[in-house]
Amino acid sequence: MARVDAYEVKIVLRLSLAFLVAFVSYLAASFFIVRSLSLNKIRSYLEKTASSVVQDFDYRNDEWSTNRYLSDEATPTENPLYIFSLDGFLIDRMNVIQGLLDTSHFTYASSFAAPKTITSPIGETWRVFSYGIERDGQKKGIILVAYFEPMGRPVQELDALLLAAGKTLDRQIVFSGGRMDTTKIIDKELEHNISFEIVDTFNVSHKSVGGPPAYIDKSYIHDVLIRKDFWVKEDARSGKKYLLHARPIVADGNAVGLVVIGRGLDQLDEMLASLLKLSLAAGAISVLLFTAFAAFIYRRDIRKIIEERLTTLTAPRHISVERIAFDHKSNAILVNGVQCIEIPPDSYQYDICRALFKNPRKSCDVFDLSSAIGERDGEEHAKRRIYDAVEAVNERVMQLVGTKLIVYKDKKYFINPSLPVTRR
């Protein structure tokens, strides 16, 4: 019995392992399918958005028109967005990714110590002012504050507004370990027409809102312009990953500018991580339940098959059947006239053998055998008694000849047609 139990355990473990492998394969496939579909959706969004932003710009006769862009309410404000002319002029830059197109000419940003009204290379009019960032007597950077389309407001009022904005932003800038931190800046507190850019002395732009006049080394523009399709960039400070897409602004078949749009992958990664954790937990529970169920089914319904197989492997070699018959006088099944398989007298086994051997090539249903064994207490009880008796007879015969004597098929019992039956 210990050997049977060990064999059962091995079978159950193999079934559980197969189930586990199938589940892990399904989980991996689902993970990659969901990830692929989500990334495709993000790519589609980036392509559509970049194309829409590009179409907002007109460039004719060496002049830019940004009217459509300025009035386009569909332009995303929550995602990283960069817009440059090909010579490095900043048209707009928001939600900057640290390490990507985040430089700016400190010298140019510092060139407006006194407020000044200028017309940018793209034809926009700005009132600009450079507000210095100083700590411990040292210059740490510059805040370029700008007011878009200043006409219609007194110069003194504009300059006071720019100065106040510079002071407000300066108070919100924090230095930690010698590094500039602009994460505490609340740009919504400023008047909506005011734009600004914060640049340190190393030409790094730490925050840019509204695209004030600024320049970037055009070699960076070229590096991004030659990129194809999509790429992933990690923010050097926060470690967040972004999927990016670049598209040139084209006029007369030539690139005159560049649009770069990005979207964070942190939400997708968090969703996939949660999905993976839930799936693993569900998988572990499913494997445990499957193992318990398989063990239960195996012990209840398949154990007899294992015992029969072990009996076949360990029992002596079965004899070849030349003839088989039932002798009701001696209460035995005779094999080849010499081997005797005893059947208990006055038993259901005896009655069933006598009924079936009476006409060996005839099949009997439950009703016929119920009459043979004298059962009249209901069909379900009769079915079970007949089944148990048939199994008992088959077990006795199989030990000698290695095959069943009585076969059940199409709701009828009959003598195994492969056995040469003789009548006595």
Protein backbone atom coordinates (compact mmCIF):
# COMPACT_ATOMS: atom_id res chain seq x y z
CA MET A 1 0.00 0.00 0.00
CA ALA A 2 2.88 2.38 0.75
CA ARG A 3 4.12 1.80 -2.79
CA VAL A 4 0.69 2.68 -4.18
CA ASP A 5 0.53 5.87 -2.13
CA ALA A 6 4.00 6.91 -3.30
CA TYR A 7 2.98 6.30 -6.90
CA GLU A 8 -0.19 8.33 -6.39
CA VAL A 9 1.78 11.21 -4.91
CA LYS A 10 4.18 11.15 -7.87
CA ILE A 11 1.30 11.25 -10.35
CA VAL A 12 -0.45 14.09 -8.51
CA LEU A 13 2.80 16.08 -8.35
CA ARG A 14 3.35 15.57 -12.07
CA LEU A 15 -0.17 16.74 -12.85
CA SER A 16 0.29 19.76 -10.57
CA LEU A 17 3.61 20.59 -12.24
CA ALA A 18 1.99 20.37 -15.67
CA PHE A 19 -0.79 22.66 -14.47
CA LEU A 20 1.77 25.08 -13.02
CA VAL A 21 3.78 25.18 -16.25
CA ALA A 22 0.60 25.78 -18.27
CA PHE A 23 -0.46 28.54 -15.90
CA VAL A 24 2.94 30.26 -15.93
CA SER A 25 2.96 30.10 -19.73
CA TYR A 26 -0.51 31.62 -19.83
CA LEU A 27 0.55 34.30 -17.33
CA ALA A 28 3.67 35.21 -19.32
CA ALA A 29 1.70 35.37 -22.56
CA SER A 30 -1.01 37.53 -20.94
CA PHE A 31 1.62 39.85 -19.42
CA PHE A 32 3.37 40.46 -22.72
CA ILE A 33 0.10 40.81 -24.64
CA VAL A 34 -1.25 43.41 -22.19
CA ARG A 35 2.09 45.25 -22.18
CA SER A 36 2.31 45.19 -25.98
CA LEU A 37 -1.27 46.43 -26.44
CA SER A 38 -0.73 49.20 -23.86
CA LEU A 39 2.52 50.33 -25.48
CA ASN A 40 0.86 50.32 -28.90
CA LYS A 41 -1.89 52.52 -27.50
CA ILE A 42 0.69 54.96 -26.08
CA ARG A 43 2.60 54.97 -29.38
CA SER A 44 -0.61 55.74 -31.26
CA TYR A 45 -1.34 58.61 -28.87
CA LEU A 46 2.17 60.06 -29.24
CA GLU A 47 2.05 59.85 -33.04
CA LYS A 48 -1.36 61.49 -33.21
CA THR A 49 -0.43 64.25 -30.73
CA ALA A 50 2.93 65.01 -32.35
CA SER A 51 1.28 65.22 -35.78
CA SER A 52 -1.38 67.57 -34.41
CA VAL A 53 1.22 69.87 -32.82
CA VAL A 54 3.31 69.94 -36.02
CA GLN A 55 0.26 71.00 -38.04
CA ASP A 56 -0.26 73.95 -35.70
CA PHE A 57 2.85 75.70 -37.09
CA ASP A 58 3.27 77.54 -40.39
CA TYR A 59 6.69 78.49 -41.74
CA ARG A 60 6.71 80.57 -44.91
CA ASN A 61 9.24 83.01 -46.34
CA ASP A 62 11.51 82.47 -43.33
CA GLU A 63 8.76 83.53 -40.93
CA TRP A 64 6.93 81.54 -38.30
CA SER A 65 3.22 81.67 -37.50
CA THR A 66 2.26 80.24 -34.09
CA ASN A 67 -1.33 81.48 -33.93
CA ARG A 68 -2.92 78.05 -34.35
CA TYR A 69 -0.61 76.56 -31.72
CA LEU A 70 -1.39 79.29 -29.18
CA SER A 71 -5.14 78.84 -29.64
CA ASP A 72 -5.11 75.01 -29.75
CA GLU A 73 -6.75 73.87 -26.52
CA ALA A 74 -6.04 70.22 -27.37
CA THR A 75 -2.29 70.66 -26.87
CA PRO A 76 -1.31 68.37 -23.96
CA THR A 77 -0.10 70.16 -20.84
CA GLU A 78 0.46 67.16 -18.57
CA ASN A 79 3.09 65.37 -20.67
CA PRO A 80 6.67 66.30 -21.62
CA LEU A 81 6.59 68.50 -24.72
CA TYR A 82 9.49 70.16 -26.55
CA ILE A 83 9.24 72.45 -29.55
CA PHE A 84 12.41 73.96 -31.10
CA SER A 85 13.36 75.64 -34.32
CA LEU A 86 16.20 73.92 -36.12
CA ASP A 87 18.70 76.62 -35.09
CA GLY A 88 18.00 75.83 -31.41
CA PHE A 89 15.44 78.53 -30.56
CA LEU A 90 12.99 77.40 -27.87
CA ILE A 91 9.39 77.71 -29.02
CA ASP A 92 7.93 75.80 -26.08
CA ARG A 93 9.15 73.38 -23.43
CA MET A 94 7.09 71.94 -20.58
CA ASN A 95 7.32 69.07 -18.08
CA VAL A 96 11.03 68.71 -18.80
CA ILE A 97 12.69 65.29 -18.48
CA GLN A 98 16.00 65.70 -16.74
CA GLY A 99 18.69 64.71 -19.25
CA LEU A 100 16.63 65.35 -22.40
CA LEU A 101 16.84 68.70 -24.20
CA ASP A 102 17.02 70.38 -20.81
CA THR A 103 19.87 72.82 -21.53
CA SER A 104 19.65 76.54 -22.18
CA HIS A 105 22.17 79.32 -22.87
CA PHE A 106 22.84 80.87 -19.49
CA THR A 107 24.48 83.89 -21.12
CA TYR A 108 21.44 84.65 -23.28
CA ALA A 109 19.06 84.12 -20.35
CA SER A 110 21.16 86.60 -18.31
CA SER A 111 21.26 89.29 -21.01
CA PHE A 112 18.15 91.16 -19.85
CA ALA A 113 19.32 92.72 -16.58
CA ALA A 114 17.02 95.61 -17.43
CA PRO A 115 13.51 94.72 -18.69
CA LYS A 116 13.27 94.86 -22.46
CA THR A 117 10.66 94.31 -25.17
CA ILE A 118 11.85 91.99 -27.95
CA THR A 119 10.50 90.19 -30.98
CA SER A 120 11.55 86.54 -31.01
CA PRO A 121 12.76 84.64 -34.11
CA ILE A 122 9.27 83.21 -34.50
CA GLY A 123 7.64 86.64 -34.57
CA GLU A 124 6.30 86.74 -31.00
CA THR A 125 6.56 89.89 -28.89
CA TRP A 126 7.81 89.54 -25.30
CA ARG A 127 8.72 91.78 -22.40
CA VAL A 128 11.65 89.95 -20.79
CA PHE A 129 13.61 90.33 -17.56
CA SER A 130 16.58 88.37 -16.10
CA TYR A 131 16.33 87.84 -12.34
CA GLY A 132 19.50 86.49 -10.73
CA ILE A 133 19.51 83.58 -8.28
CA GLU A 134 22.07 84.15 -5.53
CA ARG A 135 22.90 82.15 -2.43
CA ASP A 136 25.65 83.01 0.08
CA GLY A 137 26.90 85.76 -2.17
CA GLN A 138 27.34 83.44 -5.15
CA LYS A 139 25.40 83.47 -8.39
CA LYS A 140 23.68 80.08 -8.80
CA GLY A 141 21.54 80.73 -11.85
CA ILE A 142 19.08 82.97 -13.59
CA ILE A 143 15.31 83.25 -13.87
CA LEU A 144 14.26 84.49 -17.28
CA VAL A 145 10.80 85.98 -16.72
CA ALA A 146 8.77 86.99 -19.77
CA TYR A 147 5.35 88.50 -20.50
CA PHE A 148 3.70 87.48 -23.78
CA GLU A 149 2.25 90.21 -26.02
CA PRO A 150 2.87 93.13 -23.60
CA MET A 151 1.21 95.79 -25.75
CA GLY A 152 -1.71 97.44 -24.04
CA ARG A 153 -0.22 97.46 -20.53
CA PRO A 154 1.98 100.23 -19.10
CA VAL A 155 5.69 99.37 -19.08
CA GLN A 156 6.06 100.27 -15.40
CA GLU A 157 3.23 97.92 -14.48
CA LEU A 158 4.73 95.07 -16.57
CA ASP A 159 8.20 95.53 -15.10
CA ALA A 160 6.83 95.50 -11.54
CA LEU A 161 4.91 92.32 -12.41
CA LEU A 162 8.03 90.65 -13.83
CA LEU A 163 10.10 91.64 -10.79
CA ALA A 164 7.47 90.30 -8.40
CA ALA A 165 7.28 87.03 -10.37
CA GLY A 166 11.08 86.66 -10.23
CA LYS A 167 11.10 87.18 -6.46
CA THR A 168 8.26 84.70 -5.95
CA LEU A 169 10.03 82.02 -8.01
CA ASP A 170 13.36 82.69 -6.27
CA ARG A 171 11.75 82.10 -2.85
CA GLN A 172 10.42 78.74 -4.01
CA ILE A 173 13.80 77.48 -5.28
CA VAL A 174 15.62 75.23 -2.81
CA PHE A 175 19.27 74.19 -2.81
CA SER A 176 20.04 70.79 -1.29
CA GLY A 177 23.57 69.43 -1.28
CA GLY A 178 24.59 72.15 -3.69
CA ARG A 179 21.92 71.10 -6.22
CA MET A 180 19.06 73.30 -7.37
CA ASP A 181 15.57 71.96 -6.62
CA THR A 182 12.58 73.53 -8.38
CA THR A 183 9.98 70.90 -7.46
CA LYS A 184 8.30 73.19 -4.91
CA ILE A 185 7.53 75.89 -7.47
CA ILE A 186 3.81 76.52 -7.96
CA ASP A 187 3.63 78.20 -11.36
CA LYS A 188 -0.16 78.54 -11.21
CA GLU A 189 0.28 81.35 -8.70
CA LEU A 190 1.68 83.55 -11.49
CA GLU A 191 -0.39 85.52 -13.96
CA HIS A 192 -1.28 83.34 -16.95
CA ASN A 193 0.54 85.58 -19.48
CA ILE A 194 3.84 85.21 -17.62
CA SER A 195 6.29 82.55 -18.76
CA PHE A 196 9.62 81.71 -17.18
CA GLU A 197 12.69 79.53 -17.42
CA ILE A 198 15.13 78.73 -14.62
CA VAL A 199 18.71 78.06 -15.77
CA ASP A 200 21.75 77.31 -13.63
CA THR A 201 25.29 78.48 -14.39
CA PHE A 202 26.02 75.17 -16.13
CA ASN A 203 23.41 75.85 -18.86
CA VAL A 204 20.94 73.32 -17.41
CA SER A 205 17.27 74.30 -17.58
CA HIS A 206 15.58 73.19 -14.36
CA LYS A 207 12.07 74.37 -15.14
CA SER A 208 10.44 75.95 -18.16
CA VAL A 209 6.83 77.11 -18.35
CA GLY A 210 5.21 78.86 -21.32
CA GLY A 211 8.23 78.79 -23.63
CA PRO A 212 9.91 82.17 -23.01
CA PRO A 213 12.62 83.19 -25.53
CA ALA A 214 15.61 80.88 -25.04
CA TYR A 215 18.20 78.94 -26.99
CA ILE A 216 19.66 75.46 -26.85
CA ASP A 217 22.80 74.11 -28.53
CA LYS A 218 21.48 72.97 -31.92
CA SER A 219 23.67 69.86 -31.84
CA TYR A 220 21.18 68.45 -29.32
CA ILE A 221 18.38 69.12 -31.79
CA HIS A 222 20.25 67.17 -34.46
CA ASP A 223 20.83 64.20 -32.15
CA VAL A 224 17.09 63.88 -31.50
CA LEU A 225 16.07 64.66 -35.09
CA ILE A 226 17.89 61.61 -36.46
CA ARG A 227 16.06 59.24 -34.09
CA LYS A 228 13.47 57.01 -35.67
CA ASP A 229 10.14 55.85 -34.27
CA PHE A 230 10.14 55.66 -30.46
CA TRP A 231 12.63 55.41 -27.63
CA VAL A 232 12.59 55.22 -23.83
CA LYS A 233 14.28 57.86 -21.69
CA GLU A 234 14.79 57.74 -17.93
CA ASP A 235 14.60 60.96 -15.95
CA ALA A 236 18.07 61.49 -14.47
CA ARG A 237 16.63 62.82 -11.23
CA SER A 238 13.39 60.95 -10.52
CA GLY A 239 14.25 57.68 -12.30
CA LYS A 240 10.85 57.65 -14.06
CA LYS A 241 10.78 56.26 -17.57
CA TYR A 242 9.13 57.95 -20.54
CA LEU A 243 8.28 56.75 -24.02
CA LEU A 244 9.21 59.47 -26.52
CA HIS A 245 8.43 60.29 -30.12
CA ALA A 246 10.01 63.02 -32.26
CA ARG A 247 8.60 64.54 -35.44
CA PRO A 248 10.11 67.30 -37.57
CA ILE A 249 8.27 70.47 -38.55
CA VAL A 250 8.65 70.55 -42.33
CA ALA A 251 8.34 73.44 -44.77
CA ASP A 252 8.97 73.11 -48.53
CA GLY A 253 10.33 69.62 -47.97
CA ASN A 254 12.93 70.69 -45.41
CA ALA A 255 12.96 70.33 -41.63
CA VAL A 256 12.72 73.74 -39.94
CA GLY A 257 11.85 72.64 -36.45
CA LEU A 258 11.30 69.72 -34.11
CA VAL A 259 8.48 68.48 -31.87
CA VAL A 260 9.20 65.90 -29.16
CA ILE A 261 6.32 64.47 -27.14
CA GLY A 262 6.59 61.96 -24.31
CA ARG A 263 4.40 59.97 -21.95
CA GLY A 264 5.31 58.44 -18.61
CA LEU A 265 5.47 54.65 -18.29
CA ASP A 266 5.23 54.60 -14.49
CA GLN A 267 1.45 54.03 -14.47
CA LEU A 268 1.77 51.21 -16.99
CA ASP A 269 4.59 49.62 -14.99
CA GLU A 270 2.57 49.91 -11.77
CA MET A 271 -0.49 48.38 -13.44
CA LEU A 272 1.53 45.49 -14.85
CA ALA A 273 3.26 44.93 -11.50
CA SER A 274 -0.12 44.79 -9.74
CA LEU A 275 -1.48 42.48 -12.43
CA LEU A 276 1.54 40.21 -12.04
CA LYS A 277 1.21 40.08 -8.24
CA LEU A 278 -2.50 39.32 -8.39
CA SER A 279 -1.98 36.68 -11.08
CA LEU A 280 0.81 35.00 -9.11
CA ALA A 281 -1.35 34.93 -5.99
CA ALA A 282 -4.29 33.53 -7.97
CA GLY A 283 -1.94 31.02 -9.62
CA ALA A 284 -0.55 29.82 -6.30
CA ILE A 285 -4.08 29.34 -4.92
CA SER A 286 -5.17 27.59 -8.12
CA VAL A 287 -2.22 25.19 -8.03
CA LEU A 288 -2.95 24.31 -4.40
CA LEU A 289 -6.63 23.76 -5.13
CA PHE A 290 -5.80 21.72 -8.22
CA THR A 291 -3.34 19.57 -6.28
CA ALA A 292 -5.92 18.92 -3.55
CA PHE A 293 -8.63 18.17 -6.12
CA ALA A 294 -6.35 15.88 -8.14
CA ALA A 295 -5.34 14.01 -5.01
CA PHE A 296 -8.99 13.61 -4.01
CA ILE A 297 -10.05 12.39 -7.45
CA TYR A 298 -7.05 10.12 -7.72
CA ARG A 299 -7.71 8.39 -4.42
CA ARG A 300 -11.44 8.12 -5.03
CA ASP A 301 -11.73 7.11 -8.69
CA ILE A 302 -8.38 6.15 -10.16
CA ARG A 303 -6.70 4.33 -7.30
CA LYS A 304 -8.08 1.01 -8.46
CA ILE A 305 -6.40 1.51 -11.87
CA ILE A 306 -3.06 2.02 -10.16
CA GLU A 307 -3.56 -1.08 -8.02
CA GLU A 308 -4.45 -3.10 -11.10
CA ARG A 309 -1.35 -1.84 -12.88
CA LEU A 310 0.87 -2.68 -9.91
CA THR A 311 -0.77 -6.08 -9.63
CA THR A 312 -0.08 -6.67 -13.30
CA LEU A 313 3.57 -5.68 -12.89
CA THR A 314 4.17 -7.74 -9.75
CA ALA A 315 1.94 -10.77 -10.39
CA PRO A 316 3.14 -13.98 -12.08
CA ARG A 317 2.79 -14.28 -15.84
CA HIS A 318 -0.85 -14.69 -16.88
CA ILE A 319 -1.93 -17.88 -18.57
CA SER A 320 -3.19 -18.05 -22.13
CA VAL A 321 -6.93 -18.78 -22.29
CA GLU A 322 -7.95 -21.55 -24.69
CA ARG A 323 -11.41 -22.01 -23.21
CA ILE A 324 -13.32 -20.66 -20.25
CA ALA A 325 -16.56 -21.83 -18.70
CA PHE A 326 -18.66 -21.54 -15.54
CA ASP A 327 -19.45 -24.65 -13.52
CA HIS A 328 -22.43 -23.82 -11.29
CA LYS A 329 -22.14 -27.16 -9.48
CA SER A 330 -18.62 -26.51 -8.27
CA ASN A 331 -19.19 -22.76 -7.93
CA ALA A 332 -16.16 -21.96 -10.09
CA ILE A 333 -14.97 -20.50 -13.36
CA LEU A 334 -12.84 -23.05 -15.16
CA VAL A 335 -9.97 -21.94 -17.40
CA ASN A 336 -8.61 -24.44 -19.91
CA GLY A 337 -10.41 -27.14 -17.89
CA VAL A 338 -7.71 -27.19 -15.21
CA GLN A 339 -7.46 -23.75 -13.58
CA CYS A 340 -10.24 -23.04 -11.11
CA ILE A 341 -11.44 -19.58 -10.02
CA GLU A 342 -13.81 -20.01 -7.11
CA ILE A 343 -16.96 -17.94 -6.91
CA PRO A 344 -18.79 -17.67 -3.55
CA PRO A 345 -22.01 -19.71 -3.63
CA ASP A 346 -25.31 -18.02 -2.90
CA SER A 347 -23.81 -14.66 -3.88
CA TYR A 348 -24.53 -11.95 -6.42
CA GLN A 349 -21.30 -12.94 -8.18
CA TYR A 350 -22.59 -16.47 -8.56
CA ASP A 351 -25.99 -15.35 -9.86
CA ILE A 352 -24.46 -12.93 -12.41
CA CYS A 353 -21.97 -15.52 -13.71
CA ARG A 354 -24.70 -18.09 -14.06
CA ALA A 355 -26.94 -15.64 -15.95
CA LEU A 356 -24.22 -14.45 -18.34
CA PHE A 357 -22.68 -17.89 -19.04
CA LYS A 358 -26.15 -19.31 -19.75
CA ASN A 359 -25.97 -17.51 -23.10
CA PRO A 360 -22.36 -16.20 -23.43
CA ARG A 361 -22.96 -14.12 -26.57
CA LYS A 362 -26.01 -12.34 -25.21
CA SER A 363 -25.80 -9.01 -23.35
CA CYS A 364 -27.87 -8.27 -20.28
CA ASP A 365 -29.04 -4.92 -18.98
CA VAL A 366 -29.54 -3.94 -15.34
CA PHE A 367 -33.14 -5.17 -15.37
CA ASP A 368 -32.10 -8.64 -16.58
CA LEU A 369 -29.36 -8.96 -13.96
CA SER A 370 -31.65 -7.51 -11.24
CA SER A 371 -34.01 -10.39 -11.91
CA ALA A 372 -31.09 -12.83 -11.87
CA ILE A 373 -29.89 -11.71 -8.44
CA GLY A 374 -33.44 -11.41 -7.07
CA GLU A 375 -33.32 -7.66 -6.40
CA ARG A 376 -36.61 -5.78 -6.21
CA ASP A 377 -35.70 -2.81 -3.98
CA GLY A 378 -35.11 -0.16 -6.60
CA GLU A 379 -32.99 0.38 -9.68
CA GLU A 380 -30.23 2.49 -8.04
CA HIS A 381 -29.56 -0.09 -5.34
CA ALA A 382 -29.58 -2.85 -7.95
CA LYS A 383 -27.13 -0.96 -10.17
CA ARG A 384 -24.64 -0.60 -7.34
CA ARG A 385 -24.90 -4.23 -6.23
CA ILE A 386 -24.49 -5.46 -9.81
CA TYR A 387 -21.51 -3.15 -10.36
CA ASP A 388 -19.77 -4.32 -7.16
CA ALA A 389 -20.38 -7.99 -7.99
CA VAL A 390 -19.07 -7.60 -11.57
CA GLU A 391 -15.93 -5.85 -10.31
CA ALA A 392 -15.32 -8.60 -7.77
CA VAL A 393 -15.60 -11.30 -10.48
CA ASN A 394 -13.31 -9.37 -12.84
CA GLU A 395 -10.73 -8.92 -10.11
CA ARG A 396 -10.61 -12.68 -9.49
CA VAL A 397 -10.32 -13.47 -13.21
CA MET A 398 -7.72 -10.80 -13.97
CA GLN A 399 -5.33 -12.24 -11.39
CA LEU A 400 -5.14 -15.38 -13.51
CA VAL A 401 -5.71 -14.35 -17.12
CA GLY A 402 -4.88 -10.61 -17.04
CA THR A 403 -8.13 -9.38 -18.62
CA LYS A 404 -11.68 -8.71 -17.54
CA LEU A 405 -14.27 -11.45 -17.84
CA ILE A 406 -17.34 -9.18 -17.88
CA VAL A 407 -17.49 -6.04 -20.01
CA TYR A 408 -19.90 -3.12 -19.60
CA LYS A 409 -20.80 -1.10 -22.70
CA ASP A 410 -23.85 0.81 -23.90
CA LYS A 411 -25.54 0.19 -20.52
CA LYS A 412 -25.27 -3.58 -20.93
CA TYR A 413 -23.09 -6.32 -19.45
CA PHE A 414 -21.70 -9.22 -21.49
CA ILE A 415 -18.88 -11.79 -21.50
CA ASN A 416 -15.65 -10.42 -22.96
CA PRO A 417 -15.86 -11.40 -26.66
CA SER A 418 -12.07 -11.92 -26.77
CA LEU A 419 -12.39 -14.94 -24.47
CA PRO A 420 -13.27 -18.36 -25.94
CA VAL A 421 -16.33 -19.33 -23.85
CA THR A 422 -17.71 -22.87 -23.62
CA ARG A 423 -20.92 -23.96 -21.93
CA ARG A 424 -21.18 -26.72 -19.37
